[in-house]
Amino acid sequence: MILGAVRLIVFAVDTLLAILGVLLASLCDRDARLAFRVAQWWAWTNLKLVGARVHIEGFDHLDPRRSYVFVSNHRSNLDVLALMVALWDFQLRWVAKEELFRIPLFGWGLRAMKQILVNRADHAQAMASLAEARQRMHDGISVVFFPEGTRGGGRMLPFKKGGFVFALETGASIVPIGISGTERLLPRAAWTVQQGGEIRVAICPPISTAGRSLDDRDALLAEVRTVITACVERLDGRAVTAGAPGAVSTAGVRSAATS
């Protein structure tokens, strides 16, 4: 319990420092690219702090020069950190509910990184935010959706349609992602992270939206959900180890983060 409290204090301190770094970086970078890189280092630091080992497979399906709509299952708050590290070569923006932007300091950091604020009670505001995000994808930004809308823990909740409509409207390919292990390190109701453990992130081949219309959104949702469900079931059934079929050997910081 004492060790858990110490880790929580360290997390709070380095998060405060990271927010200050994000705010400072945003002053000299209107696109928030540098601010997001600061946040990625924060994610990497805290995963290392708790001894989480992130194993990635399927990164070779991606072209870092392209923008994608990433769609992932959602089990734990650690999912965000795991994706920031696993997709290190990408500039990511999340669609986040307005309540998160109201949190003191944390909300400022979200705004500084130009994360996508969606007020579910204000349809016009939500549409305006998504329209701005669609425009930014032309500048090399990729967007991440958790279609369950909230953390499902060990079970997958029904998917919402927003991310699929967004992909169809932008013409961007959807990349299904399965995450396993985060719920054991940080359960939904917990405040402290368990020390040590594996997080498995599987990146599936992109699904093209070319030639599809908004009328195809339900079929696209079902297709992506089927892929993610199969992926998560496989990850839950076995650990992804370095050198396993489909595993990716990455260079630079991502290699260090996943070791």
C-alpha atoms as a PDB file:
ATOM      1  CA  MET A   1       0.000   0.000   0.000  1.00  0.00           C
ATOM      2  CA  ILE A   2       2.858   2.381   0.830  1.00  0.00           C
ATOM      3  CA  LEU A   3       4.549   1.675  -2.503  1.00  0.00           C
ATOM      4  CA  GLY A   4       1.265   2.317  -4.285  1.00  0.00           C
ATOM      5  CA  ALA A   5       0.902   5.660  -2.526  1.00  0.00           C
ATOM      6  CA  VAL A   6       4.464   6.624  -3.475  1.00  0.00           C
ATOM      7  CA  ARG A   7       3.820   5.766  -7.113  1.00  0.00           C
ATOM      8  CA  LEU A   8       0.628   7.834  -7.029  1.00  0.00           C
ATOM      9  CA  ILE A   9       2.543  10.840  -5.651  1.00  0.00           C
ATOM     10  CA  VAL A  10       5.288  10.476  -8.267  1.00  0.00           C
ATOM     11  CA  PHE A  11       2.644  10.195 -10.985  1.00  0.00           C
ATOM     12  CA  ALA A  12       0.930  13.368  -9.744  1.00  0.00           C
ATOM     13  CA  VAL A  13       4.210  15.297  -9.686  1.00  0.00           C
ATOM     14  CA  ASP A  14       5.446  14.219 -13.110  1.00  0.00           C
ATOM     15  CA  THR A  15       1.970  14.817 -14.560  1.00  0.00           C
ATOM     16  CA  LEU A  16       2.048  18.375 -13.272  1.00  0.00           C
ATOM     17  CA  LEU A  17       5.495  18.883 -14.795  1.00  0.00           C
ATOM     18  CA  ALA A  18       4.319  17.369 -18.080  1.00  0.00           C
ATOM     19  CA  ILE A  19       1.292  19.673 -18.208  1.00  0.00           C
ATOM     20  CA  LEU A  20       3.554  22.675 -17.685  1.00  0.00           C
ATOM     21  CA  GLY A  21       5.813  21.362 -20.465  1.00  0.00           C
ATOM     22  CA  VAL A  22       2.829  20.906 -22.780  1.00  0.00           C
ATOM     23  CA  LEU A  23       1.616  24.438 -22.068  1.00  0.00           C
ATOM     24  CA  LEU A  24       5.055  25.922 -22.734  1.00  0.00           C
ATOM     25  CA  ALA A  25       5.505  23.868 -25.905  1.00  0.00           C
ATOM     26  CA  SER A  26       2.131  25.001 -27.218  1.00  0.00           C
ATOM     27  CA  LEU A  27       3.264  28.641 -27.063  1.00  0.00           C
ATOM     28  CA  CYS A  28       5.851  28.060 -29.780  1.00  0.00           C
ATOM     29  CA  ASP A  29       3.966  25.504 -31.869  1.00  0.00           C
ATOM     30  CA  ARG A  30       0.509  26.410 -33.137  1.00  0.00           C
ATOM     31  CA  ASP A  31      -0.086  22.872 -34.454  1.00  0.00           C
ATOM     32  CA  ALA A  32       0.622  21.374 -31.005  1.00  0.00           C
ATOM     33  CA  ARG A  33       2.984  18.775 -32.470  1.00  0.00           C
ATOM     34  CA  LEU A  34       5.711  19.530 -29.950  1.00  0.00           C
ATOM     35  CA  ALA A  35       3.171  19.606 -27.130  1.00  0.00           C
ATOM     36  CA  PHE A  36       1.993  16.135 -28.083  1.00  0.00           C
ATOM     37  CA  ARG A  37       5.586  14.850 -28.152  1.00  0.00           C
ATOM     38  CA  VAL A  38       5.990  16.086 -24.580  1.00  0.00           C
ATOM     39  CA  ALA A  39       2.867  14.117 -23.661  1.00  0.00           C
ATOM     40  CA  GLN A  40       4.270  11.011 -25.333  1.00  0.00           C
ATOM     41  CA  TRP A  41       7.398  11.208 -23.187  1.00  0.00           C
ATOM     42  CA  TRP A  42       5.117  11.543 -20.149  1.00  0.00           C
ATOM     43  CA  ALA A  43       3.266   8.382 -21.193  1.00  0.00           C
ATOM     44  CA  TRP A  44       6.524   6.494 -21.750  1.00  0.00           C
ATOM     45  CA  THR A  45       7.913   7.635 -18.387  1.00  0.00           C
ATOM     46  CA  ASN A  46       4.881   6.518 -16.412  1.00  0.00           C
ATOM     47  CA  LEU A  47       4.625   3.150 -18.104  1.00  0.00           C
ATOM     48  CA  LYS A  48       8.280   2.558 -17.233  1.00  0.00           C
ATOM     49  CA  LEU A  49       7.633   3.836 -13.707  1.00  0.00           C
ATOM     50  CA  VAL A  50       5.111   1.082 -13.001  1.00  0.00           C
ATOM     51  CA  GLY A  51       7.124  -1.564 -14.809  1.00  0.00           C
ATOM     52  CA  ALA A  52       4.595  -2.023 -17.618  1.00  0.00           C
ATOM     53  CA  ARG A  53       6.004  -3.832 -20.632  1.00  0.00           C
ATOM     54  CA  VAL A  54       4.243  -2.846 -23.854  1.00  0.00           C
ATOM     55  CA  HIS A  55       4.392  -5.462 -26.614  1.00  0.00           C
ATOM     56  CA  ILE A  56       3.329  -4.309 -30.062  1.00  0.00           C
ATOM     57  CA  GLU A  57       2.468  -6.346 -33.104  1.00  0.00           C
ATOM     58  CA  GLY A  58       1.312  -5.240 -36.530  1.00  0.00           C
ATOM     59  CA  PHE A  59       3.028  -1.846 -36.719  1.00  0.00           C
ATOM     60  CA  ASP A  60       4.293  -2.853 -40.143  1.00  0.00           C
ATOM     61  CA  HIS A  61       0.704  -2.515 -41.402  1.00  0.00           C
ATOM     62  CA  LEU A  62       1.021   1.258 -41.079  1.00  0.00           C
ATOM     63  CA  ASP A  63       2.604   4.041 -43.110  1.00  0.00           C
ATOM     64  CA  PRO A  64       3.751   6.817 -40.715  1.00  0.00           C
ATOM     65  CA  ARG A  65       3.370   9.327 -43.552  1.00  0.00           C
ATOM     66  CA  ARG A  66      -0.385   8.761 -43.701  1.00  0.00           C
ATOM     67  CA  SER A  67      -3.252   9.809 -41.465  1.00  0.00           C
ATOM     68  CA  TYR A  68      -5.579   7.173 -40.061  1.00  0.00           C
ATOM     69  CA  VAL A  69      -8.655   6.827 -37.915  1.00  0.00           C
ATOM     70  CA  PHE A  70      -7.559   4.478 -35.132  1.00  0.00           C
ATOM     71  CA  VAL A  71     -10.376   2.561 -33.435  1.00  0.00           C
ATOM     72  CA  SER A  72      -9.599   0.638 -30.248  1.00  0.00           C
ATOM     73  CA  ASN A  73     -11.306  -1.244 -27.471  1.00  0.00           C
ATOM     74  CA  HIS A  74     -11.206   0.532 -24.109  1.00  0.00           C
ATOM     75  CA  ARG A  75     -10.560  -1.250 -20.815  1.00  0.00           C
ATOM     76  CA  SER A  76      -8.550   1.130 -18.657  1.00  0.00           C
ATOM     77  CA  ASN A  77      -7.211   4.676 -18.454  1.00  0.00           C
ATOM     78  CA  LEU A  78      -3.822   3.124 -19.277  1.00  0.00           C
ATOM     79  CA  ASP A  79      -5.090   2.458 -22.819  1.00  0.00           C
ATOM     80  CA  VAL A  80      -4.328   6.067 -23.734  1.00  0.00           C
ATOM     81  CA  LEU A  81      -0.727   5.827 -22.531  1.00  0.00           C
ATOM     82  CA  ALA A  82      -0.220   2.489 -24.274  1.00  0.00           C
ATOM     83  CA  LEU A  83      -1.456   3.873 -27.601  1.00  0.00           C
ATOM     84  CA  MET A  84       0.691   6.994 -27.317  1.00  0.00           C
ATOM     85  CA  VAL A  85       3.745   4.762 -27.022  1.00  0.00           C
ATOM     86  CA  ALA A  86       2.675   2.077 -29.505  1.00  0.00           C
ATOM     87  CA  LEU A  87       1.883   4.696 -32.165  1.00  0.00           C
ATOM     88  CA  TRP A  88       4.955   6.814 -31.421  1.00  0.00           C
ATOM     89  CA  ASP A  89       5.489   7.827 -35.054  1.00  0.00           C
ATOM     90  CA  PHE A  90       2.047   9.435 -35.295  1.00  0.00           C
ATOM     91  CA  GLN A  91       0.536  12.704 -34.168  1.00  0.00           C
ATOM     92  CA  LEU A  92      -2.605  11.563 -32.347  1.00  0.00           C
ATOM     93  CA  ARG A  93      -5.699  13.479 -31.355  1.00  0.00           C
ATOM     94  CA  TRP A  94      -8.460  11.943 -29.263  1.00  0.00           C
ATOM     95  CA  VAL A  95     -12.158  12.680 -29.357  1.00  0.00           C
ATOM     96  CA  ALA A  96     -12.792  13.463 -25.680  1.00  0.00           C
ATOM     97  CA  LYS A  97     -15.914  14.372 -23.760  1.00  0.00           C
ATOM     98  CA  GLU A  98     -16.241  17.907 -22.485  1.00  0.00           C
ATOM     99  CA  GLU A  99     -16.053  16.878 -18.821  1.00  0.00           C
ATOM    100  CA  LEU A 100     -12.350  16.054 -19.189  1.00  0.00           C
ATOM    101  CA  PHE A 101     -11.598  19.568 -20.413  1.00  0.00           C
ATOM    102  CA  ARG A 102     -13.075  20.992 -17.205  1.00  0.00           C
ATOM    103  CA  ILE A 103     -10.510  19.283 -14.958  1.00  0.00           C
ATOM    104  CA  PRO A 104      -8.097  21.943 -13.614  1.00  0.00           C
ATOM    105  CA  LEU A 105      -4.648  21.831 -15.264  1.00  0.00           C
ATOM    106  CA  PHE A 106      -5.408  18.533 -17.026  1.00  0.00           C
ATOM    107  CA  GLY A 107      -8.065  20.211 -19.136  1.00  0.00           C
ATOM    108  CA  TRP A 108      -5.631  22.991 -20.010  1.00  0.00           C
ATOM    109  CA  GLY A 109      -3.188  20.397 -21.259  1.00  0.00           C
ATOM    110  CA  LEU A 110      -5.851  18.786 -23.437  1.00  0.00           C
ATOM    111  CA  ARG A 111      -6.648  22.148 -25.005  1.00  0.00           C
ATOM    112  CA  ALA A 112      -2.969  22.939 -25.513  1.00  0.00           C
ATOM    113  CA  MET A 113      -2.543  19.664 -27.424  1.00  0.00           C
ATOM    114  CA  LYS A 114      -5.635  20.521 -29.488  1.00  0.00           C
ATOM    115  CA  GLN A 115      -7.490  17.394 -28.479  1.00  0.00           C
ATOM    116  CA  ILE A 116     -11.011  17.213 -29.888  1.00  0.00           C
ATOM    117  CA  LEU A 117     -13.659  18.451 -27.464  1.00  0.00           C
ATOM    118  CA  VAL A 118     -17.122  17.004 -27.989  1.00  0.00           C
ATOM    119  CA  ASN A 119     -20.070  18.234 -25.953  1.00  0.00           C
ATOM    120  CA  ARG A 120     -22.668  15.501 -26.261  1.00  0.00           C
ATOM    121  CA  ALA A 121     -25.370  17.915 -25.092  1.00  0.00           C
ATOM    122  CA  ASP A 122     -24.521  20.477 -27.799  1.00  0.00           C
ATOM    123  CA  HIS A 123     -24.844  18.902 -31.225  1.00  0.00           C
ATOM    124  CA  ALA A 124     -23.731  22.044 -33.084  1.00  0.00           C
ATOM    125  CA  GLN A 125     -20.542  22.334 -31.002  1.00  0.00           C
ATOM    126  CA  ALA A 126     -19.766  18.646 -31.467  1.00  0.00           C
ATOM    127  CA  MET A 127     -20.178  18.908 -35.236  1.00  0.00           C
ATOM    128  CA  ALA A 128     -17.941  21.996 -35.349  1.00  0.00           C
ATOM    129  CA  SER A 129     -15.181  20.226 -33.384  1.00  0.00           C
ATOM    130  CA  LEU A 130     -15.324  17.184 -35.645  1.00  0.00           C
ATOM    131  CA  ALA A 131     -15.299  19.385 -38.747  1.00  0.00           C
ATOM    132  CA  GLU A 132     -12.104  21.037 -37.502  1.00  0.00           C
ATOM    133  CA  ALA A 133     -10.603  17.600 -36.825  1.00  0.00           C
ATOM    134  CA  ARG A 134     -11.457  16.481 -40.356  1.00  0.00           C
ATOM    135  CA  GLN A 135      -9.575  19.474 -41.707  1.00  0.00           C
ATOM    136  CA  ARG A 136      -6.544  18.760 -39.541  1.00  0.00           C
ATOM    137  CA  MET A 137      -6.221  15.235 -40.926  1.00  0.00           C
ATOM    138  CA  HIS A 138      -4.964  16.879 -44.126  1.00  0.00           C
ATOM    139  CA  ASP A 139      -2.041  18.152 -42.023  1.00  0.00           C
ATOM    140  CA  GLY A 140      -0.886  14.691 -40.995  1.00  0.00           C
ATOM    141  CA  ILE A 141      -2.953  14.322 -37.829  1.00  0.00           C
ATOM    142  CA  SER A 142      -4.487  10.945 -36.980  1.00  0.00           C
ATOM    143  CA  VAL A 143      -7.600  10.651 -34.831  1.00  0.00           C
ATOM    144  CA  VAL A 144      -8.291   8.010 -32.170  1.00  0.00           C
ATOM    145  CA  PHE A 145     -11.753   6.805 -31.196  1.00  0.00           C
ATOM    146  CA  PHE A 146     -12.799   4.548 -28.346  1.00  0.00           C
ATOM    147  CA  PRO A 147     -16.178   3.599 -29.840  1.00  0.00           C
ATOM    148  CA  GLU A 148     -17.409   2.057 -26.593  1.00  0.00           C
ATOM    149  CA  GLY A 149     -17.520   5.597 -25.213  1.00  0.00           C
ATOM    150  CA  THR A 150     -16.222   4.531 -21.805  1.00  0.00           C
ATOM    151  CA  ARG A 151     -14.091   1.834 -20.208  1.00  0.00           C
ATOM    152  CA  GLY A 152     -15.635  -1.593 -20.432  1.00  0.00           C
ATOM    153  CA  GLY A 153     -13.160  -3.377 -18.161  1.00  0.00           C
ATOM    154  CA  GLY A 154     -12.996  -7.021 -19.168  1.00  0.00           C
ATOM    155  CA  ARG A 155     -16.009  -6.913 -21.487  1.00  0.00           C
ATOM    156  CA  MET A 156     -16.606  -5.034 -24.712  1.00  0.00           C
ATOM    157  CA  LEU A 157     -19.491  -2.565 -24.722  1.00  0.00           C
ATOM    158  CA  PRO A 158     -21.647  -1.681 -27.750  1.00  0.00           C
ATOM    159  CA  PHE A 159     -19.942   0.569 -30.292  1.00  0.00           C
ATOM    160  CA  LYS A 160     -21.136   4.068 -31.078  1.00  0.00           C
ATOM    161  CA  LYS A 161     -21.274   5.198 -34.719  1.00  0.00           C
ATOM    162  CA  GLY A 162     -19.413   8.536 -34.488  1.00  0.00           C
ATOM    163  CA  GLY A 163     -15.948   7.276 -35.369  1.00  0.00           C
ATOM    164  CA  PHE A 164     -17.199   5.373 -38.382  1.00  0.00           C
ATOM    165  CA  VAL A 165     -19.149   8.332 -39.727  1.00  0.00           C
ATOM    166  CA  PHE A 166     -16.025  10.441 -39.208  1.00  0.00           C
ATOM    167  CA  ALA A 167     -13.885   7.974 -41.194  1.00  0.00           C
ATOM    168  CA  LEU A 168     -16.398   7.804 -44.026  1.00  0.00           C
ATOM    169  CA  GLU A 169     -16.608  11.589 -44.220  1.00  0.00           C
ATOM    170  CA  THR A 170     -12.815  12.005 -44.313  1.00  0.00           C
ATOM    171  CA  GLY A 171     -12.150   9.023 -46.561  1.00  0.00           C
ATOM    172  CA  ALA A 172      -9.434   7.887 -44.137  1.00  0.00           C
ATOM    173  CA  SER A 173      -8.740   4.212 -43.563  1.00  0.00           C
ATOM    174  CA  ILE A 174      -9.782   2.757 -40.230  1.00  0.00           C
ATOM    175  CA  VAL A 175      -7.162   0.851 -38.241  1.00  0.00           C
ATOM    176  CA  PRO A 176      -8.700  -1.555 -35.704  1.00  0.00           C
ATOM    177  CA  ILE A 177      -6.593  -1.985 -32.560  1.00  0.00           C
ATOM    178  CA  GLY A 178      -6.884  -4.527 -29.778  1.00  0.00           C
ATOM    179  CA  ILE A 179      -5.502  -3.826 -26.305  1.00  0.00           C
ATOM    180  CA  SER A 180      -5.145  -6.391 -23.532  1.00  0.00           C
ATOM    181  CA  GLY A 181      -3.588  -6.264 -20.078  1.00  0.00           C
ATOM    182  CA  THR A 182      -4.300  -2.671 -19.090  1.00  0.00           C
ATOM    183  CA  GLU A 183      -7.345  -3.656 -17.051  1.00  0.00           C
ATOM    184  CA  ARG A 184      -5.158  -5.823 -14.799  1.00  0.00           C
ATOM    185  CA  LEU A 185      -2.634  -3.048 -14.175  1.00  0.00           C
ATOM    186  CA  LEU A 186      -5.259  -0.351 -13.597  1.00  0.00           C
ATOM    187  CA  PRO A 187      -8.808  -1.659 -13.100  1.00  0.00           C
ATOM    188  CA  ARG A 188     -11.681   0.675 -13.854  1.00  0.00           C
ATOM    189  CA  ALA A 189     -12.454   1.475 -10.206  1.00  0.00           C
ATOM    190  CA  ALA A 190      -8.823   1.697  -9.027  1.00  0.00           C
ATOM    191  CA  TRP A 191      -6.676   4.780  -8.429  1.00  0.00           C
ATOM    192  CA  THR A 192      -3.288   3.105  -8.209  1.00  0.00           C
ATOM    193  CA  VAL A 193      -1.496   1.008 -10.814  1.00  0.00           C
ATOM    194  CA  GLN A 194      -0.327  -2.517 -10.047  1.00  0.00           C
ATOM    195  CA  GLN A 195       3.437  -2.864 -10.297  1.00  0.00           C
ATOM    196  CA  GLY A 196       4.710  -4.751 -13.326  1.00  0.00           C
ATOM    197  CA  GLY A 197       2.879  -6.572 -16.072  1.00  0.00           C
ATOM    198  CA  GLU A 198       2.370  -6.811 -19.802  1.00  0.00           C
ATOM    199  CA  ILE A 199       0.241  -4.615 -22.028  1.00  0.00           C
ATOM    200  CA  ARG A 200      -0.396  -6.117 -25.435  1.00  0.00           C
ATOM    201  CA  VAL A 201      -1.286  -3.891 -28.374  1.00  0.00           C
ATOM    202  CA  ALA A 202      -2.184  -5.488 -31.709  1.00  0.00           C
ATOM    203  CA  ILE A 203      -2.516  -3.236 -34.749  1.00  0.00           C
ATOM    204  CA  CYS A 204      -4.717  -4.813 -37.411  1.00  0.00           C
ATOM    205  CA  PRO A 205      -4.497  -4.106 -41.163  1.00  0.00           C
ATOM    206  CA  PRO A 206      -6.210  -0.844 -42.199  1.00  0.00           C
ATOM    207  CA  ILE A 207      -9.747  -1.096 -43.552  1.00  0.00           C
ATOM    208  CA  SER A 208     -10.315   1.205 -46.517  1.00  0.00           C
ATOM    209  CA  THR A 209     -13.381   3.451 -46.614  1.00  0.00           C
ATOM    210  CA  ALA A 210     -12.910   4.224 -50.314  1.00  0.00           C
ATOM    211  CA  GLY A 211     -16.075   3.690 -52.320  1.00  0.00           C
ATOM    212  CA  ARG A 212     -18.250   3.532 -49.197  1.00  0.00           C
ATOM    213  CA  SER A 213     -20.983   5.997 -48.275  1.00  0.00           C
ATOM    214  CA  LEU A 214     -22.613   6.983 -45.004  1.00  0.00           C
ATOM    215  CA  ASP A 215     -25.204   4.313 -45.685  1.00  0.00           C
ATOM    216  CA  ASP A 216     -22.430   1.783 -45.044  1.00  0.00           C
ATOM    217  CA  ARG A 217     -21.690   2.987 -41.517  1.00  0.00           C
ATOM    218  CA  ASP A 218     -23.505   0.130 -39.747  1.00  0.00           C
ATOM    219  CA  ALA A 219     -21.801  -2.507 -41.873  1.00  0.00           C
ATOM    220  CA  LEU A 220     -18.422  -0.820 -41.320  1.00  0.00           C
ATOM    221  CA  LEU A 221     -19.018  -0.696 -37.553  1.00  0.00           C
ATOM    222  CA  ALA A 222     -19.890  -4.394 -37.514  1.00  0.00           C
ATOM    223  CA  GLU A 223     -16.816  -5.264 -39.585  1.00  0.00           C
ATOM    224  CA  VAL A 224     -14.441  -3.346 -37.313  1.00  0.00           C
ATOM    225  CA  ARG A 225     -16.056  -4.686 -34.147  1.00  0.00           C
ATOM    226  CA  THR A 226     -15.645  -8.247 -35.411  1.00  0.00           C
ATOM    227  CA  VAL A 227     -11.954  -7.645 -36.113  1.00  0.00           C
ATOM    228  CA  ILE A 228     -11.288  -6.045 -32.719  1.00  0.00           C
ATOM    229  CA  THR A 229     -13.245  -8.742 -30.861  1.00  0.00           C
ATOM    230  CA  ALA A 230     -11.243 -11.532 -32.497  1.00  0.00           C
ATOM    231  CA  CYS A 231      -8.010  -9.644 -31.867  1.00  0.00           C
ATOM    232  CA  VAL A 232      -8.725  -9.063 -28.165  1.00  0.00           C
ATOM    233  CA  GLU A 233      -9.815 -12.664 -27.644  1.00  0.00           C
ATOM    234  CA  ARG A 234      -6.526 -13.818 -29.152  1.00  0.00           C
ATOM    235  CA  LEU A 235      -4.478 -11.416 -27.017  1.00  0.00           C
ATOM    236  CA  ASP A 236      -6.296 -12.470 -23.866  1.00  0.00           C
ATOM    237  CA  GLY A 237      -5.518 -16.072 -24.702  1.00  0.00           C
ATOM    238  CA  ARG A 238      -1.767 -15.723 -25.079  1.00  0.00           C
ATOM    239  CA  ALA A 239       1.038 -13.279 -24.399  1.00  0.00           C
ATOM    240  CA  VAL A 240       2.695 -11.559 -27.344  1.00  0.00           C
ATOM    241  CA  THR A 241       6.428 -12.021 -26.879  1.00  0.00           C
ATOM    242  CA  ALA A 242       9.344 -10.469 -28.686  1.00  0.00           C
ATOM    243  CA  GLY A 243      10.066 -12.363 -31.858  1.00  0.00           C
ATOM    244  CA  ALA A 244       6.633 -13.990 -32.044  1.00  0.00           C
ATOM    245  CA  PRO A 245       4.991 -14.185 -35.463  1.00  0.00           C
ATOM    246  CA  GLY A 246       3.719 -10.744 -36.376  1.00  0.00           C
ATOM    247  CA  ALA A 247       5.602  -9.020 -33.582  1.00  0.00           C
ATOM    248  CA  VAL A 248       7.373  -5.817 -34.537  1.00  0.00           C
ATOM    249  CA  SER A 249      10.940  -4.903 -33.732  1.00  0.00           C
ATOM    250  CA  THR A 250      10.972  -1.113 -33.576  1.00  0.00           C
ATOM    251  CA  ALA A 251      13.793   1.393 -33.346  1.00  0.00           C
ATOM    252  CA  GLY A 252      14.439   4.481 -31.256  1.00  0.00           C
ATOM    253  CA  VAL A 253      12.260   5.500 -28.367  1.00  0.00           C
ATOM    254  CA  ARG A 254       9.440   3.088 -29.170  1.00  0.00           C
ATOM    255  CA  SER A 255      11.908   0.203 -28.923  1.00  0.00           C
ATOM    256  CA  ALA A 256      12.981   1.399 -25.495  1.00  0.00           C
ATOM    257  CA  ALA A 257       9.393   1.895 -24.404  1.00  0.00           C
ATOM    258  CA  THR A 258       8.347  -1.591 -25.364  1.00  0.00           C
ATOM    259  CA  SER A 259      11.299  -3.479 -23.938  1.00  0.00           C
END
